[in-house]
Amino acid sequence: MSWASIKMTQQEAMGTSTDFVDAFEKLFIAAKKPRDAALFCSRELGPDDAFFLSPGAQKIATSLLALRPATKCKAPSKKDVILLAGHDDGIALLR
């Protein structure tokens, strides 16, 4: 399964809205914190800010993905993203 990229809203990119991350964290906890589920975001702020969901994160966040358009993508590079939520082992899934 591919990774998924979801473009951030302006409020999310500015850090004034954490609704998406909060919703993901609730789903992550309800799913018993799977090791392959992690949510990342772009390290640098800019017009292409995005959330990145690991394949495991997509499995538990289907309700979120139904609300926001996602684009399939390759695993992002470790140097380009920050772990926002999910299992710390998710870092090992990055390029």
N, C-alpha and C. Protein backbone atom coordinates (compact mmCIF):
# COMPACT_ATOMS: atom_id res chain seq x y z
N MET A 1 0.85 -1.18 0.00
CA MET A 1 0.00 0.00 0.00
C MET A 1 0.89 1.24 0.00
N SER A 2 0.49 2.23 -0.76
CA SER A 2 1.22 3.50 -0.84
C SER A 2 0.96 4.35 0.40
N TRP A 3 1.78 5.34 0.56
CA TRP A 3 1.53 6.38 1.56
C TRP A 3 0.46 7.30 1.00
N ALA A 4 -0.09 8.16 1.85
CA ALA A 4 -1.08 9.14 1.42
C ALA A 4 -0.64 10.53 1.86
N SER A 5 -0.86 11.48 1.00
CA SER A 5 -0.55 12.88 1.28
C SER A 5 -1.86 13.67 1.26
N ILE A 6 -2.07 14.51 2.27
CA ILE A 6 -3.26 15.35 2.36
C ILE A 6 -2.81 16.79 2.55
N LYS A 7 -3.22 17.65 1.63
CA LYS A 7 -2.85 19.06 1.73
C LYS A 7 -3.46 19.68 2.98
N MET A 8 -2.64 20.43 3.70
CA MET A 8 -3.11 21.11 4.91
C MET A 8 -3.96 22.32 4.55
N THR A 9 -4.90 22.64 5.43
CA THR A 9 -5.63 23.90 5.30
C THR A 9 -4.69 25.01 5.75
N GLN A 10 -5.04 26.24 5.45
CA GLN A 10 -4.21 27.37 5.88
C GLN A 10 -4.11 27.41 7.40
N GLN A 11 -5.19 27.11 8.09
CA GLN A 11 -5.19 27.12 9.56
C GLN A 11 -4.27 26.03 10.11
N GLU A 12 -4.28 24.86 9.48
CA GLU A 12 -3.40 23.78 9.92
C GLU A 12 -1.94 24.14 9.70
N ALA A 13 -1.64 24.72 8.55
CA ALA A 13 -0.27 25.10 8.24
C ALA A 13 0.24 26.18 9.19
N MET A 14 -0.66 27.06 9.64
CA MET A 14 -0.27 28.13 10.56
C MET A 14 -0.26 27.65 12.01
N GLY A 15 -0.73 26.43 12.24
CA GLY A 15 -0.74 25.89 13.60
C GLY A 15 -1.92 26.33 14.43
N THR A 16 -2.93 26.93 13.80
CA THR A 16 -4.08 27.40 14.57
C THR A 16 -5.21 26.38 14.64
N SER A 17 -5.08 25.28 13.91
CA SER A 17 -6.08 24.22 13.96
C SER A 17 -5.38 22.87 14.08
N THR A 18 -5.78 22.11 15.08
CA THR A 18 -5.21 20.77 15.28
C THR A 18 -6.30 19.70 15.18
N ASP A 19 -7.43 20.03 14.59
CA ASP A 19 -8.55 19.09 14.52
C ASP A 19 -8.18 17.77 13.84
N PHE A 20 -7.46 17.84 12.73
CA PHE A 20 -7.10 16.62 11.99
C PHE A 20 -6.19 15.73 12.84
N VAL A 21 -5.19 16.33 13.44
CA VAL A 21 -4.24 15.57 14.27
C VAL A 21 -4.96 15.00 15.49
N ASP A 22 -5.80 15.79 16.12
CA ASP A 22 -6.55 15.32 17.29
C ASP A 22 -7.44 14.13 16.93
N ALA A 23 -8.11 14.22 15.79
CA ALA A 23 -8.99 13.13 15.35
C ALA A 23 -8.17 11.87 15.06
N PHE A 24 -7.00 12.05 14.43
CA PHE A 24 -6.15 10.89 14.15
C PHE A 24 -5.69 10.24 15.46
N GLU A 25 -5.28 11.04 16.42
CA GLU A 25 -4.80 10.49 17.69
C GLU A 25 -5.88 9.65 18.38
N LYS A 26 -7.12 10.09 18.33
CA LYS A 26 -8.22 9.32 18.92
C LYS A 26 -8.38 7.98 18.21
N LEU A 27 -8.30 7.98 16.89
CA LEU A 27 -8.40 6.74 16.14
C LEU A 27 -7.21 5.82 16.43
N PHE A 28 -6.03 6.40 16.55
CA PHE A 28 -4.81 5.65 16.85
C PHE A 28 -4.94 4.94 18.20
N ILE A 29 -5.39 5.65 19.20
CA ILE A 29 -5.56 5.06 20.54
C ILE A 29 -6.64 3.99 20.52
N ALA A 30 -7.75 4.26 19.85
CA ALA A 30 -8.85 3.29 19.77
C ALA A 30 -8.41 2.01 19.07
N ALA A 31 -7.44 2.12 18.15
CA ALA A 31 -6.94 0.96 17.41
C ALA A 31 -5.81 0.25 18.16
N LYS A 32 -5.57 0.61 19.40
CA LYS A 32 -4.54 0.00 20.26
C LYS A 32 -3.12 0.34 19.82
N LYS A 33 -2.94 1.54 19.27
CA LYS A 33 -1.62 2.08 18.93
C LYS A 33 -0.78 1.16 18.03
N PRO A 34 -1.26 0.86 16.84
CA PRO A 34 -0.49 -0.03 15.96
C PRO A 34 0.88 0.56 15.61
N ARG A 35 1.88 -0.31 15.57
CA ARG A 35 3.27 0.12 15.35
C ARG A 35 3.50 0.70 13.96
N ASP A 36 2.66 0.33 13.00
CA ASP A 36 2.87 0.81 11.63
C ASP A 36 2.02 2.03 11.28
N ALA A 37 1.41 2.64 12.29
CA ALA A 37 0.54 3.80 12.05
C ALA A 37 1.22 5.07 12.54
N ALA A 38 1.46 5.99 11.62
CA ALA A 38 2.10 7.26 11.99
C ALA A 38 1.63 8.36 11.05
N LEU A 39 1.48 9.55 11.62
CA LEU A 39 1.07 10.74 10.88
C LEU A 39 2.21 11.75 10.96
N PHE A 40 2.65 12.20 9.81
CA PHE A 40 3.74 13.16 9.71
C PHE A 40 3.24 14.43 9.04
N CYS A 41 4.04 15.50 9.14
CA CYS A 41 3.75 16.72 8.39
C CYS A 41 5.04 17.24 7.79
N SER A 42 4.89 18.12 6.83
CA SER A 42 6.04 18.76 6.20
C SER A 42 6.85 19.50 7.26
N ARG A 43 8.17 19.40 7.17
CA ARG A 43 9.05 20.08 8.13
C ARG A 43 9.08 21.58 7.87
N GLU A 44 9.12 21.97 6.62
CA GLU A 44 9.20 23.38 6.25
C GLU A 44 7.81 23.91 5.91
N LEU A 45 7.46 25.05 6.45
CA LEU A 45 6.17 25.66 6.11
C LEU A 45 6.23 26.27 4.72
N GLY A 46 5.17 26.11 3.97
CA GLY A 46 5.12 26.65 2.63
C GLY A 46 3.80 26.30 1.97
N PRO A 47 3.66 26.64 0.70
CA PRO A 47 2.38 26.44 0.01
C PRO A 47 2.03 24.96 -0.19
N ASP A 48 3.00 24.09 -0.07
CA ASP A 48 2.74 22.67 -0.29
C ASP A 48 2.72 21.87 1.01
N ASP A 49 2.43 22.52 2.13
CA ASP A 49 2.36 21.82 3.41
C ASP A 49 1.37 20.67 3.31
N ALA A 50 1.75 19.54 3.88
CA ALA A 50 0.89 18.36 3.79
C ALA A 50 1.06 17.47 5.01
N PHE A 51 0.02 16.68 5.24
CA PHE A 51 0.10 15.57 6.18
C PHE A 51 0.49 14.34 5.37
N PHE A 52 1.24 13.44 5.97
CA PHE A 52 1.61 12.19 5.33
C PHE A 52 1.19 11.05 6.25
N LEU A 53 0.40 10.13 5.71
CA LEU A 53 -0.08 9.00 6.48
C LEU A 53 0.58 7.72 5.98
N SER A 54 1.17 6.99 6.91
CA SER A 54 1.75 5.69 6.57
C SER A 54 0.63 4.75 6.15
N PRO A 55 0.97 3.65 5.48
CA PRO A 55 -0.07 2.68 5.12
C PRO A 55 -0.87 2.20 6.34
N GLY A 56 -0.21 1.97 7.45
CA GLY A 56 -0.91 1.56 8.67
C GLY A 56 -1.83 2.64 9.20
N ALA A 57 -1.42 3.89 9.06
CA ALA A 57 -2.26 5.01 9.50
C ALA A 57 -3.52 5.10 8.65
N GLN A 58 -3.39 4.83 7.37
CA GLN A 58 -4.56 4.88 6.49
C GLN A 58 -5.59 3.83 6.88
N LYS A 59 -5.13 2.67 7.33
CA LYS A 59 -6.05 1.59 7.71
C LYS A 59 -6.94 2.01 8.88
N ILE A 60 -6.39 2.76 9.82
CA ILE A 60 -7.18 3.14 11.00
C ILE A 60 -7.90 4.48 10.81
N ALA A 61 -7.54 5.22 9.78
CA ALA A 61 -8.10 6.57 9.58
C ALA A 61 -9.00 6.66 8.36
N THR A 62 -9.67 5.59 8.03
CA THR A 62 -10.54 5.61 6.84
C THR A 62 -11.63 6.67 6.96
N SER A 63 -12.13 6.91 8.16
CA SER A 63 -13.17 7.93 8.34
C SER A 63 -12.63 9.33 8.04
N LEU A 64 -11.37 9.59 8.39
CA LEU A 64 -10.76 10.89 8.08
C LEU A 64 -10.49 11.02 6.58
N LEU A 65 -10.02 9.93 5.98
CA LEU A 65 -9.71 9.97 4.56
C LEU A 65 -10.96 10.15 3.71
N ALA A 66 -12.10 9.78 4.24
CA ALA A 66 -13.36 9.98 3.51
C ALA A 66 -13.74 11.46 3.47
N LEU A 67 -13.20 12.25 4.39
CA LEU A 67 -13.54 13.67 4.48
C LEU A 67 -12.55 14.59 3.78
N ARG A 68 -11.33 14.10 3.55
CA ARG A 68 -10.28 14.94 2.97
C ARG A 68 -9.68 14.24 1.76
N PRO A 69 -9.51 14.94 0.64
CA PRO A 69 -8.90 14.30 -0.53
C PRO A 69 -7.44 13.96 -0.26
N ALA A 70 -7.08 12.73 -0.56
CA ALA A 70 -5.71 12.27 -0.36
C ALA A 70 -5.11 11.87 -1.70
N THR A 71 -3.81 12.02 -1.80
CA THR A 71 -3.07 11.63 -2.98
C THR A 71 -2.08 10.54 -2.60
N LYS A 72 -2.02 9.49 -3.40
CA LYS A 72 -1.03 8.44 -3.14
C LYS A 72 0.36 9.02 -3.38
N CYS A 73 1.31 8.58 -2.56
CA CYS A 73 2.68 9.06 -2.71
C CYS A 73 3.65 8.02 -2.16
N LYS A 74 4.92 8.24 -2.40
CA LYS A 74 5.96 7.40 -1.82
C LYS A 74 6.19 7.85 -0.38
N ALA A 75 6.85 7.01 0.38
CA ALA A 75 7.22 7.39 1.75
C ALA A 75 8.08 8.64 1.69
N PRO A 76 7.78 9.63 2.52
CA PRO A 76 8.60 10.84 2.52
C PRO A 76 9.98 10.57 3.12
N SER A 77 10.88 11.49 2.90
CA SER A 77 12.23 11.40 3.45
C SER A 77 12.23 11.85 4.91
N LYS A 78 13.04 11.20 5.72
CA LYS A 78 13.14 11.56 7.14
C LYS A 78 13.48 13.03 7.33
N LYS A 79 14.27 13.56 6.43
CA LYS A 79 14.72 14.95 6.59
C LYS A 79 13.63 15.97 6.23
N ASP A 80 12.55 15.51 5.59
CA ASP A 80 11.52 16.43 5.11
C ASP A 80 10.26 16.49 5.97
N VAL A 81 10.15 15.61 6.97
CA VAL A 81 8.91 15.54 7.75
C VAL A 81 9.17 15.47 9.25
N ILE A 82 8.09 15.72 10.01
CA ILE A 82 8.10 15.64 11.47
C ILE A 82 6.97 14.71 11.88
N LEU A 83 7.24 13.85 12.84
CA LEU A 83 6.20 12.97 13.38
C LEU A 83 5.24 13.79 14.23
N LEU A 84 3.96 13.75 13.88
CA LEU A 84 2.93 14.49 14.63
C LEU A 84 2.18 13.60 15.60
N ALA A 85 1.88 12.39 15.17
CA ALA A 85 1.08 11.48 15.98
C ALA A 85 1.32 10.06 15.49
N GLY A 86 1.05 9.13 16.38
CA GLY A 86 1.22 7.74 16.01
C GLY A 86 2.41 7.13 16.71
N HIS A 87 2.76 5.94 16.28
CA HIS A 87 3.83 5.19 16.92
C HIS A 87 5.20 5.73 16.51
N ASP A 88 6.10 5.82 17.49
CA ASP A 88 7.47 6.27 17.21
C ASP A 88 8.16 5.38 16.20
N ASP A 89 7.79 4.10 16.14
CA ASP A 89 8.39 3.19 15.18
C ASP A 89 8.05 3.58 13.74
N GLY A 90 7.09 4.45 13.55
CA GLY A 90 6.73 4.91 12.22
C GLY A 90 7.87 5.61 11.51
N ILE A 91 8.80 6.15 12.27
CA ILE A 91 9.96 6.82 11.69
C ILE A 91 10.77 5.85 10.84
N ALA A 92 10.81 4.60 11.24
CA ALA A 92 11.56 3.59 10.49
C ALA A 92 10.94 3.31 9.12
N LEU A 93 9.69 3.72 8.90
CA LEU A 93 9.02 3.50 7.63
C LEU A 93 9.39 4.54 6.58
N LEU A 94 10.05 5.61 7.01
CA LEU A 94 10.42 6.70 6.10
C LEU A 94 11.62 6.33 5.26
N ARG A 95 11.84 7.10 4.18
CA ARG A 95 13.02 6.90 3.33
C ARG A 95 14.22 7.53 3.99
